[in-house]
Amino acid sequence: MRVNSLFWSFSTAERPDPSFLCGTIHLGTEECVKHWPLIEQYIDRYDRIYTESSIGPDALSYLQSFTLLEPDCDMYDYVTPRRWAKMKSTFVKYCNVDIDKMKMFRPLFILAAVQSNLVDGTSKTPLDHMIWERAEELGKSTHGIESPQEQVEIMLQMDMRQQYLNLIRISKTITKTRSFIKKLLKTYEAQDINRLYQMSKASLGVDRSLLIQSRNDIMANRILNHHNDEPSFFSFGAGHLGGGSGVLRKLKQQGATIKSIVHKE
C-alpha cells in the first residue's frame, strides 16, 4: 500500500457496509492526537469499538501481574552492578526515570517507561487509551483485538537476556534513540504507514517476527471476522497497517475492498 494514510475503511461481499481502521502509536503527543476530531466522529458512528488490546481494569490488572521478574530471576545475571549504575545515571539525566525504583520489573516495562519519557511532550494520554475511554463514555461495546493473555504469552516468549541487552544499548545510544523516536513521530504525523512499518521492523531486531509479522495474520483474520459479524471501529499500532505482510495487504488478499480516508488537520 503506497497511499499515506492512518485511516482506512474496508468492506466485504458478505458485509458491504464499511468498517473503519485507525492506525495509532502508543505514545501521547500532539502528533498522536491531532486527528482526534475525525477519530471521535467514527467512534460515535459504530456500536463496537476495538483497540489493539483491552484497556479495561480487569485486563490492565492482569497485565500488571506480570510486570515483575520471576522469583528465580536476578537482574545481575544479565547486567553488572557497574553497568546498572551507569544506566541509572543516563536515564535519570535524559528522561527522569530512576530505574532503581524499577529493578524488580521485567526490562520490557523499564524500556517502555524510558521511551515514554524520552521525548518532550509525551505526557498526554496515549491515543489508544483516549479511544477506549471515549467509547466507554458513550456506552459502546469495547473489546481488544488481542486478549491480555495473548499479549502476556508474547512477552514471555521474548528472550530475557535480549531485553536487558536492548536496555543497555539504548543507555549507550540515548541521544540516537531520542532522535529515532522524534523521527518516528514525524513519520506518524506524515501518515507514512510503510515507512512506519520499516522503522518499527528495524527497531525490533530479532523480535520483529514475534511482535509484527505473526501478529498481523491473527489481527487481520479477527478484524475480518468481527467485521462480517458487524461493521465496527478498529484501532491498533500503525506499524501493523503497511508493508508486504501488513494488515491492509492481508485484508485485501482475503477479498476485502479497502479505501484510504485522507484527513488533514
C-alpha atoms as a PDB file:
ATOM      1  CA  MET A   1       0.000   0.000   0.000  1.00  0.00           C
ATOM      2  CA  ARG A   2       1.593   3.242  -1.131  1.00  0.00           C
ATOM      3  CA  VAL A   3      -1.118   5.674  -0.002  1.00  0.00           C
ATOM      4  CA  ASN A   4      -0.098   7.733   3.018  1.00  0.00           C
ATOM      5  CA  SER A   5      -2.994   7.497   5.444  1.00  0.00           C
ATOM      6  CA  LEU A   6      -3.580   6.332   9.003  1.00  0.00           C
ATOM      7  CA  PHE A   7      -7.276   5.864   8.326  1.00  0.00           C
ATOM      8  CA  TRP A   8      -8.976   3.287   6.125  1.00  0.00           C
ATOM      9  CA  SER A   9     -12.367   1.785   5.509  1.00  0.00           C
ATOM     10  CA  PHE A  10     -12.952  -1.742   4.282  1.00  0.00           C
ATOM     11  CA  SER A  11     -15.880  -3.880   3.287  1.00  0.00           C
ATOM     12  CA  THR A  12     -16.558  -7.410   2.081  1.00  0.00           C
ATOM     13  CA  ALA A  13     -19.069  -9.039  -0.220  1.00  0.00           C
ATOM     14  CA  GLU A  14     -20.615 -10.662   2.837  1.00  0.00           C
ATOM     15  CA  ARG A  15     -20.834  -7.341   4.699  1.00  0.00           C
ATOM     16  CA  PRO A  16     -20.766  -4.358   2.261  1.00  0.00           C
ATOM     17  CA  ASP A  17     -21.282  -1.713   4.956  1.00  0.00           C
ATOM     18  CA  PRO A  18     -17.753  -0.482   5.759  1.00  0.00           C
ATOM     19  CA  SER A  19     -15.750  -0.801   8.954  1.00  0.00           C
ATOM     20  CA  PHE A  20     -13.157   1.791   9.995  1.00  0.00           C
ATOM     21  CA  LEU A  21      -9.442   1.216  10.636  1.00  0.00           C
ATOM     22  CA  CYS A  22      -7.330   3.656  12.642  1.00  0.00           C
ATOM     23  CA  GLY A  23      -3.545   3.430  12.989  1.00  0.00           C
ATOM     24  CA  THR A  24      -2.314   4.550  16.411  1.00  0.00           C
ATOM     25  CA  ILE A  25       1.023   4.957  18.142  1.00  0.00           C
ATOM     26  CA  HIS A  26       1.500   4.015  21.783  1.00  0.00           C
ATOM     27  CA  LEU A  27       2.560   7.468  22.959  1.00  0.00           C
ATOM     28  CA  GLY A  28       0.675  10.609  23.938  1.00  0.00           C
ATOM     29  CA  THR A  29       1.887  13.617  21.942  1.00  0.00           C
ATOM     30  CA  GLU A  30       0.444  16.360  19.758  1.00  0.00           C
ATOM     31  CA  GLU A  31       1.356  14.303  16.675  1.00  0.00           C
ATOM     32  CA  CYS A  32      -0.686  11.413  18.046  1.00  0.00           C
ATOM     33  CA  VAL A  33      -3.871  13.266  18.919  1.00  0.00           C
ATOM     34  CA  LYS A  34      -4.117  15.899  16.177  1.00  0.00           C
ATOM     35  CA  HIS A  35      -6.625  13.750  14.248  1.00  0.00           C
ATOM     36  CA  TRP A  36      -8.870  13.291  17.252  1.00  0.00           C
ATOM     37  CA  PRO A  37     -11.929  15.080  15.715  1.00  0.00           C
ATOM     38  CA  LEU A  38     -12.014  12.540  12.853  1.00  0.00           C
ATOM     39  CA  ILE A  39     -11.440   9.609  15.202  1.00  0.00           C
ATOM     40  CA  GLU A  40     -14.155  10.800  17.555  1.00  0.00           C
ATOM     41  CA  GLN A  41     -16.557  11.086  14.625  1.00  0.00           C
ATOM     42  CA  TYR A  42     -16.033   7.420  13.760  1.00  0.00           C
ATOM     43  CA  ILE A  43     -16.226   6.275  17.373  1.00  0.00           C
ATOM     44  CA  ASP A  44     -19.649   7.910  17.525  1.00  0.00           C
ATOM     45  CA  ARG A  45     -20.702   6.101  14.337  1.00  0.00           C
ATOM     46  CA  TYR A  46     -20.071   2.492  15.430  1.00  0.00           C
ATOM     47  CA  ASP A  47     -21.507   0.407  18.260  1.00  0.00           C
ATOM     48  CA  ARG A  48     -18.480  -1.886  18.595  1.00  0.00           C
ATOM     49  CA  ILE A  49     -15.078  -0.352  19.294  1.00  0.00           C
ATOM     50  CA  TYR A  50     -11.907  -2.451  19.160  1.00  0.00           C
ATOM     51  CA  THR A  51      -8.463  -1.355  20.331  1.00  0.00           C
ATOM     52  CA  GLU A  52      -5.305  -3.423  19.870  1.00  0.00           C
ATOM     53  CA  SER A  53      -5.844  -4.955  23.295  1.00  0.00           C
ATOM     54  CA  SER A  54      -8.359  -4.420  26.057  1.00  0.00           C
ATOM     55  CA  ILE A  55      -7.686  -1.386  28.258  1.00  0.00           C
ATOM     56  CA  GLY A  56     -10.360  -2.246  30.788  1.00  0.00           C
ATOM     57  CA  PRO A  57      -9.433  -2.513  34.503  1.00  0.00           C
ATOM     58  CA  ASP A  58      -9.511  -6.322  34.563  1.00  0.00           C
ATOM     59  CA  ALA A  59      -7.195  -6.553  31.550  1.00  0.00           C
ATOM     60  CA  LEU A  60      -4.773  -3.965  32.940  1.00  0.00           C
ATOM     61  CA  SER A  61      -4.742  -5.718  36.309  1.00  0.00           C
ATOM     62  CA  TYR A  62      -3.911  -8.995  34.591  1.00  0.00           C
ATOM     63  CA  LEU A  63      -1.060  -7.425  32.611  1.00  0.00           C
ATOM     64  CA  GLN A  64       0.323  -5.684  35.672  1.00  0.00           C
ATOM     65  CA  SER A  65       0.539  -9.022  37.468  1.00  0.00           C
ATOM     66  CA  PHE A  66       3.314  -9.931  35.010  1.00  0.00           C
ATOM     67  CA  THR A  67       5.384  -6.747  35.353  1.00  0.00           C
ATOM     68  CA  LEU A  68       7.710  -8.219  37.980  1.00  0.00           C
ATOM     69  CA  LEU A  69      10.598 -10.575  37.332  1.00  0.00           C
ATOM     70  CA  GLU A  70      10.158 -14.237  38.145  1.00  0.00           C
ATOM     71  CA  PRO A  71      11.312 -15.093  41.713  1.00  0.00           C
ATOM     72  CA  ASP A  72      14.305 -17.045  40.404  1.00  0.00           C
ATOM     73  CA  CYS A  73      15.407 -14.255  38.046  1.00  0.00           C
ATOM     74  CA  ASP A  74      18.106 -11.792  39.125  1.00  0.00           C
ATOM     75  CA  MET A  75      18.864  -8.752  37.005  1.00  0.00           C
ATOM     76  CA  TYR A  76      22.551  -9.069  37.936  1.00  0.00           C
ATOM     77  CA  ASP A  77      22.608 -12.313  35.975  1.00  0.00           C
ATOM     78  CA  TYR A  78      22.365 -10.066  32.924  1.00  0.00           C
ATOM     79  CA  VAL A  79      23.716  -6.642  33.971  1.00  0.00           C
ATOM     80  CA  THR A  80      26.732  -5.907  36.133  1.00  0.00           C
ATOM     81  CA  PRO A  81      26.212  -3.520  39.091  1.00  0.00           C
ATOM     82  CA  ARG A  82      28.563  -1.048  37.415  1.00  0.00           C
ATOM     83  CA  ARG A  83      26.607  -1.078  34.159  1.00  0.00           C
ATOM     84  CA  TRP A  84      23.333  -0.730  36.072  1.00  0.00           C
ATOM     85  CA  ALA A  85      24.665   2.356  37.870  1.00  0.00           C
ATOM     86  CA  LYS A  86      25.689   3.879  34.531  1.00  0.00           C
ATOM     87  CA  MET A  87      22.269   3.174  33.059  1.00  0.00           C
ATOM     88  CA  LYS A  88      20.575   4.757  36.058  1.00  0.00           C
ATOM     89  CA  SER A  89      22.637   7.920  35.681  1.00  0.00           C
ATOM     90  CA  THR A  90      21.841   8.146  31.958  1.00  0.00           C
ATOM     91  CA  PHE A  91      18.112   7.537  32.306  1.00  0.00           C
ATOM     92  CA  VAL A  92      17.726   9.979  35.207  1.00  0.00           C
ATOM     93  CA  LYS A  93      19.544  12.651  33.218  1.00  0.00           C
ATOM     94  CA  TYR A  94      17.752  12.225  29.887  1.00  0.00           C
ATOM     95  CA  CYS A  95      14.245  11.083  30.820  1.00  0.00           C
ATOM     96  CA  ASN A  96      13.898  11.465  34.597  1.00  0.00           C
ATOM     97  CA  VAL A  97      13.418   7.728  35.127  1.00  0.00           C
ATOM     98  CA  ASP A  98      15.084   6.196  38.192  1.00  0.00           C
ATOM     99  CA  ILE A  99      15.492   2.556  37.258  1.00  0.00           C
ATOM    100  CA  ASP A 100      16.485   1.674  40.834  1.00  0.00           C
ATOM    101  CA  LYS A 101      12.777   2.006  41.618  1.00  0.00           C
ATOM    102  CA  MET A 102      12.042  -0.481  38.816  1.00  0.00           C
ATOM    103  CA  LYS A 103      14.821  -3.007  39.348  1.00  0.00           C
ATOM    104  CA  MET A 104      12.346  -5.794  40.057  1.00  0.00           C
ATOM    105  CA  PHE A 105      10.420  -5.062  36.839  1.00  0.00           C
ATOM    106  CA  ARG A 106      10.841  -7.006  33.640  1.00  0.00           C
ATOM    107  CA  PRO A 107      13.210  -4.996  31.409  1.00  0.00           C
ATOM    108  CA  LEU A 108      10.459  -4.649  28.794  1.00  0.00           C
ATOM    109  CA  PHE A 109       8.491  -2.414  31.182  1.00  0.00           C
ATOM    110  CA  ILE A 110      11.575  -0.410  32.142  1.00  0.00           C
ATOM    111  CA  LEU A 111      12.251   0.158  28.459  1.00  0.00           C
ATOM    112  CA  ALA A 112       8.668   1.350  27.901  1.00  0.00           C
ATOM    113  CA  ALA A 113       8.994   3.864  30.755  1.00  0.00           C
ATOM    114  CA  VAL A 114      12.272   5.174  29.351  1.00  0.00           C
ATOM    115  CA  GLN A 115      10.932   5.583  25.826  1.00  0.00           C
ATOM    116  CA  SER A 116       7.697   7.209  27.013  1.00  0.00           C
ATOM    117  CA  ASN A 117       9.651   9.915  28.832  1.00  0.00           C
ATOM    118  CA  LEU A 118      12.480  10.394  26.374  1.00  0.00           C
ATOM    119  CA  VAL A 119      10.809  12.959  24.106  1.00  0.00           C
ATOM    120  CA  ASP A 120       9.380  16.240  25.378  1.00  0.00           C
ATOM    121  CA  GLY A 121       5.608  16.495  25.316  1.00  0.00           C
ATOM    122  CA  THR A 122       4.815  12.800  25.752  1.00  0.00           C
ATOM    123  CA  SER A 123       2.802  13.368  28.919  1.00  0.00           C
ATOM    124  CA  LYS A 124      -0.572  13.303  27.187  1.00  0.00           C
ATOM    125  CA  THR A 125      -2.895  10.306  27.355  1.00  0.00           C
ATOM    126  CA  PRO A 126      -1.940   7.763  24.639  1.00  0.00           C
ATOM    127  CA  LEU A 127      -4.321   7.728  21.689  1.00  0.00           C
ATOM    128  CA  ASP A 128      -5.492   4.141  22.193  1.00  0.00           C
ATOM    129  CA  HIS A 129      -6.459   4.985  25.776  1.00  0.00           C
ATOM    130  CA  MET A 130      -8.351   8.055  24.554  1.00  0.00           C
ATOM    131  CA  ILE A 131     -10.292   5.880  22.102  1.00  0.00           C
ATOM    132  CA  TRP A 132     -11.200   3.328  24.771  1.00  0.00           C
ATOM    133  CA  GLU A 133     -12.230   5.992  27.295  1.00  0.00           C
ATOM    134  CA  ARG A 134     -14.390   7.860  24.757  1.00  0.00           C
ATOM    135  CA  ALA A 135     -16.103   4.622  23.732  1.00  0.00           C
ATOM    136  CA  GLU A 136     -16.785   3.763  27.377  1.00  0.00           C
ATOM    137  CA  GLU A 137     -18.228   7.233  27.991  1.00  0.00           C
ATOM    138  CA  LEU A 138     -20.649   6.707  25.114  1.00  0.00           C
ATOM    139  CA  GLY A 139     -21.673   3.273  26.342  1.00  0.00           C
ATOM    140  CA  LYS A 140     -20.190   1.489  23.334  1.00  0.00           C
ATOM    141  CA  SER A 141     -19.261  -2.189  23.326  1.00  0.00           C
ATOM    142  CA  THR A 142     -15.469  -2.184  23.861  1.00  0.00           C
ATOM    143  CA  HIS A 143     -13.122  -5.054  23.027  1.00  0.00           C
ATOM    144  CA  GLY A 144      -9.477  -5.896  22.395  1.00  0.00           C
ATOM    145  CA  ILE A 145      -8.407  -7.397  19.079  1.00  0.00           C
ATOM    146  CA  GLU A 146      -5.877  -9.339  21.146  1.00  0.00           C
ATOM    147  CA  SER A 147      -6.532 -10.677  24.635  1.00  0.00           C
ATOM    148  CA  PRO A 148      -4.354  -9.812  27.659  1.00  0.00           C
ATOM    149  CA  GLN A 149      -3.424 -13.484  27.869  1.00  0.00           C
ATOM    150  CA  GLU A 150      -2.118 -13.438  24.301  1.00  0.00           C
ATOM    151  CA  GLN A 151      -0.068 -10.317  24.965  1.00  0.00           C
ATOM    152  CA  VAL A 152       1.456 -11.927  28.047  1.00  0.00           C
ATOM    153  CA  GLU A 153       2.252 -15.069  26.044  1.00  0.00           C
ATOM    154  CA  ILE A 154       4.119 -12.927  23.514  1.00  0.00           C
ATOM    155  CA  MET A 155       6.011 -11.133  26.276  1.00  0.00           C
ATOM    156  CA  LEU A 156       7.024 -14.428  27.893  1.00  0.00           C
ATOM    157  CA  GLN A 157       8.448 -15.654  24.573  1.00  0.00           C
ATOM    158  CA  MET A 158      10.847 -12.700  24.412  1.00  0.00           C
ATOM    159  CA  ASP A 159      14.379 -13.610  25.464  1.00  0.00           C
ATOM    160  CA  MET A 160      15.234 -12.056  28.832  1.00  0.00           C
ATOM    161  CA  ARG A 161      18.900 -11.589  28.001  1.00  0.00           C
ATOM    162  CA  GLN A 162      17.994  -9.793  24.789  1.00  0.00           C
ATOM    163  CA  GLN A 163      15.645  -7.477  26.699  1.00  0.00           C
ATOM    164  CA  TYR A 164      18.465  -6.416  29.013  1.00  0.00           C
ATOM    165  CA  LEU A 165      20.816  -6.029  26.056  1.00  0.00           C
ATOM    166  CA  ASN A 166      18.266  -3.703  24.434  1.00  0.00           C
ATOM    167  CA  LEU A 167      18.132  -1.650  27.629  1.00  0.00           C
ATOM    168  CA  ILE A 168      21.925  -1.427  27.737  1.00  0.00           C
ATOM    169  CA  ARG A 169      22.091  -0.491  24.051  1.00  0.00           C
ATOM    170  CA  ILE A 170      19.611   2.341  24.491  1.00  0.00           C
ATOM    171  CA  SER A 171      21.502   3.674  27.512  1.00  0.00           C
ATOM    172  CA  LYS A 172      24.662   3.791  25.379  1.00  0.00           C
ATOM    173  CA  THR A 173      22.927   5.484  22.439  1.00  0.00           C
ATOM    174  CA  ILE A 174      20.398   7.626  24.289  1.00  0.00           C
ATOM    175  CA  THR A 175      20.610  10.679  22.021  1.00  0.00           C
ATOM    176  CA  LYS A 176      20.315   8.473  18.930  1.00  0.00           C
ATOM    177  CA  THR A 177      17.264   6.775  20.445  1.00  0.00           C
ATOM    178  CA  ARG A 178      15.684  10.146  21.184  1.00  0.00           C
ATOM    179  CA  SER A 179      16.296  11.190  17.594  1.00  0.00           C
ATOM    180  CA  PHE A 180      14.762   7.944  16.336  1.00  0.00           C
ATOM    181  CA  ILE A 181      11.582   8.464  18.392  1.00  0.00           C
ATOM    182  CA  LYS A 182      11.279  12.023  17.077  1.00  0.00           C
ATOM    183  CA  LYS A 183      11.618  10.712  13.502  1.00  0.00           C
ATOM    184  CA  LEU A 184       9.021   8.053  14.269  1.00  0.00           C
ATOM    185  CA  LEU A 185       6.593  10.728  15.458  1.00  0.00           C
ATOM    186  CA  LYS A 186       7.234  12.841  12.358  1.00  0.00           C
ATOM    187  CA  THR A 187       6.623   9.796  10.169  1.00  0.00           C
ATOM    188  CA  TYR A 188       3.396   9.151  12.027  1.00  0.00           C
ATOM    189  CA  GLU A 189       2.406  12.786  11.512  1.00  0.00           C
ATOM    190  CA  ALA A 190       3.082  12.345   7.776  1.00  0.00           C
ATOM    191  CA  GLN A 191       0.844   9.223   7.883  1.00  0.00           C
ATOM    192  CA  ASP A 192       3.533   7.237   6.033  1.00  0.00           C
ATOM    193  CA  ILE A 193       2.461   3.764   7.134  1.00  0.00           C
ATOM    194  CA  ASN A 194       5.006   1.905   5.001  1.00  0.00           C
ATOM    195  CA  ARG A 195       7.873   3.907   6.471  1.00  0.00           C
ATOM    196  CA  LEU A 196       6.426   3.314   9.950  1.00  0.00           C
ATOM    197  CA  TYR A 197       6.453  -0.408   9.250  1.00  0.00           C
ATOM    198  CA  GLN A 198      10.087  -0.312   8.117  1.00  0.00           C
ATOM    199  CA  MET A 199      11.160   1.742  11.128  1.00  0.00           C
ATOM    200  CA  SER A 200       9.294  -0.499  13.565  1.00  0.00           C
ATOM    201  CA  LYS A 201      10.738  -3.638  11.988  1.00  0.00           C
ATOM    202  CA  ALA A 202      14.285  -2.261  12.144  1.00  0.00           C
ATOM    203  CA  SER A 203      13.962  -1.178  15.782  1.00  0.00           C
ATOM    204  CA  LEU A 204      12.659  -4.561  16.987  1.00  0.00           C
ATOM    205  CA  GLY A 205      15.597  -6.597  15.707  1.00  0.00           C
ATOM    206  CA  VAL A 206      15.299 -10.309  16.493  1.00  0.00           C
ATOM    207  CA  ASP A 207      11.780  -9.831  17.908  1.00  0.00           C
ATOM    208  CA  ARG A 208      10.309  -8.418  14.685  1.00  0.00           C
ATOM    209  CA  SER A 209       8.678 -11.659  13.587  1.00  0.00           C
ATOM    210  CA  LEU A 210       7.141 -12.276  17.007  1.00  0.00           C
ATOM    211  CA  LEU A 211       5.919  -8.704  17.510  1.00  0.00           C
ATOM    212  CA  ILE A 212       4.821  -7.744  13.996  1.00  0.00           C
ATOM    213  CA  GLN A 213       4.548 -10.400  11.307  1.00  0.00           C
ATOM    214  CA  SER A 214       2.956 -13.256  13.240  1.00  0.00           C
ATOM    215  CA  ARG A 215       0.518 -10.887  14.935  1.00  0.00           C
ATOM    216  CA  ASN A 216      -0.554  -9.333  11.617  1.00  0.00           C
ATOM    217  CA  ASP A 217      -2.021 -12.665  10.459  1.00  0.00           C
ATOM    218  CA  ILE A 218      -4.051 -13.046  13.638  1.00  0.00           C
ATOM    219  CA  MET A 219      -5.184  -9.421  13.707  1.00  0.00           C
ATOM    220  CA  ALA A 220      -6.290  -9.389  10.060  1.00  0.00           C
ATOM    221  CA  ASN A 221      -8.292 -12.601  10.461  1.00  0.00           C
ATOM    222  CA  ARG A 222     -10.035 -11.376  13.587  1.00  0.00           C
ATOM    223  CA  ILE A 223     -10.775  -7.949  12.145  1.00  0.00           C
ATOM    224  CA  LEU A 224     -12.323  -9.587   9.098  1.00  0.00           C
ATOM    225  CA  ASN A 225     -14.425 -11.949  11.220  1.00  0.00           C
ATOM    226  CA  HIS A 226     -15.588  -9.150  13.518  1.00  0.00           C
ATOM    227  CA  HIS A 227     -16.489  -7.008  10.504  1.00  0.00           C
ATOM    228  CA  ASN A 228     -18.514  -9.785   8.912  1.00  0.00           C
ATOM    229  CA  ASP A 229     -20.369 -10.106  12.199  1.00  0.00           C
ATOM    230  CA  GLU A 230     -20.956  -6.352  12.453  1.00  0.00           C
ATOM    231  CA  PRO A 231     -19.208  -3.318  10.904  1.00  0.00           C
ATOM    232  CA  SER A 232     -17.033  -1.838  13.637  1.00  0.00           C
ATOM    233  CA  PHE A 233     -14.283   0.624  14.589  1.00  0.00           C
ATOM    234  CA  PHE A 234     -10.790  -0.928  14.815  1.00  0.00           C
ATOM    235  CA  SER A 235      -7.625   0.741  16.103  1.00  0.00           C
ATOM    236  CA  PHE A 236      -4.131  -0.705  16.510  1.00  0.00           C
ATOM    237  CA  GLY A 237      -0.490   0.263  16.082  1.00  0.00           C
ATOM    238  CA  ALA A 238       0.082   1.976  12.732  1.00  0.00           C
ATOM    239  CA  GLY A 239       3.189  -0.161  12.179  1.00  0.00           C
ATOM    240  CA  HIS A 240       0.854  -3.093  11.558  1.00  0.00           C
ATOM    241  CA  LEU A 241      -1.005  -1.373   8.694  1.00  0.00           C
ATOM    242  CA  GLY A 242       1.572  -1.160   5.908  1.00  0.00           C
ATOM    243  CA  GLY A 243       4.226  -3.378   4.365  1.00  0.00           C
ATOM    244  CA  GLY A 244       4.010  -6.535   2.311  1.00  0.00           C
ATOM    245  CA  SER A 245       2.755  -8.534   5.291  1.00  0.00           C
ATOM    246  CA  GLY A 246       0.694  -5.725   6.833  1.00  0.00           C
ATOM    247  CA  VAL A 247      -2.947  -5.920   7.891  1.00  0.00           C
ATOM    248  CA  LEU A 248      -4.149  -3.919   4.886  1.00  0.00           C
ATOM    249  CA  ARG A 249      -2.447  -6.266   2.442  1.00  0.00           C
ATOM    250  CA  LYS A 250      -3.789  -9.317   4.266  1.00  0.00           C
ATOM    251  CA  LEU A 251      -7.343  -7.965   4.269  1.00  0.00           C
ATOM    252  CA  LYS A 252      -7.106  -7.309   0.549  1.00  0.00           C
ATOM    253  CA  GLN A 253      -5.728 -10.808  -0.079  1.00  0.00           C
ATOM    254  CA  GLN A 254      -8.796 -12.225   1.640  1.00  0.00           C
ATOM    255  CA  GLY A 255     -11.131 -10.334  -0.682  1.00  0.00           C
ATOM    256  CA  ALA A 256     -11.822  -7.173   1.304  1.00  0.00           C
ATOM    257  CA  THR A 257     -12.188  -3.873  -0.531  1.00  0.00           C
ATOM    258  CA  ILE A 258     -10.084  -1.236   1.217  1.00  0.00           C
ATOM    259  CA  LYS A 259     -10.177   2.521   0.786  1.00  0.00           C
ATOM    260  CA  SER A 260      -7.998   5.222   2.298  1.00  0.00           C
ATOM    261  CA  ILE A 261      -9.571   8.103   4.198  1.00  0.00           C
ATOM    262  CA  VAL A 262      -7.433  11.184   3.682  1.00  0.00           C
ATOM    263  CA  HIS A 263      -7.538  13.517   6.650  1.00  0.00           C
ATOM    264  CA  LYS A 264      -5.580  16.701   7.080  1.00  0.00           C
ATOM    265  CA  GLU A 265      -5.535  18.960  10.115  1.00  0.00           C
END
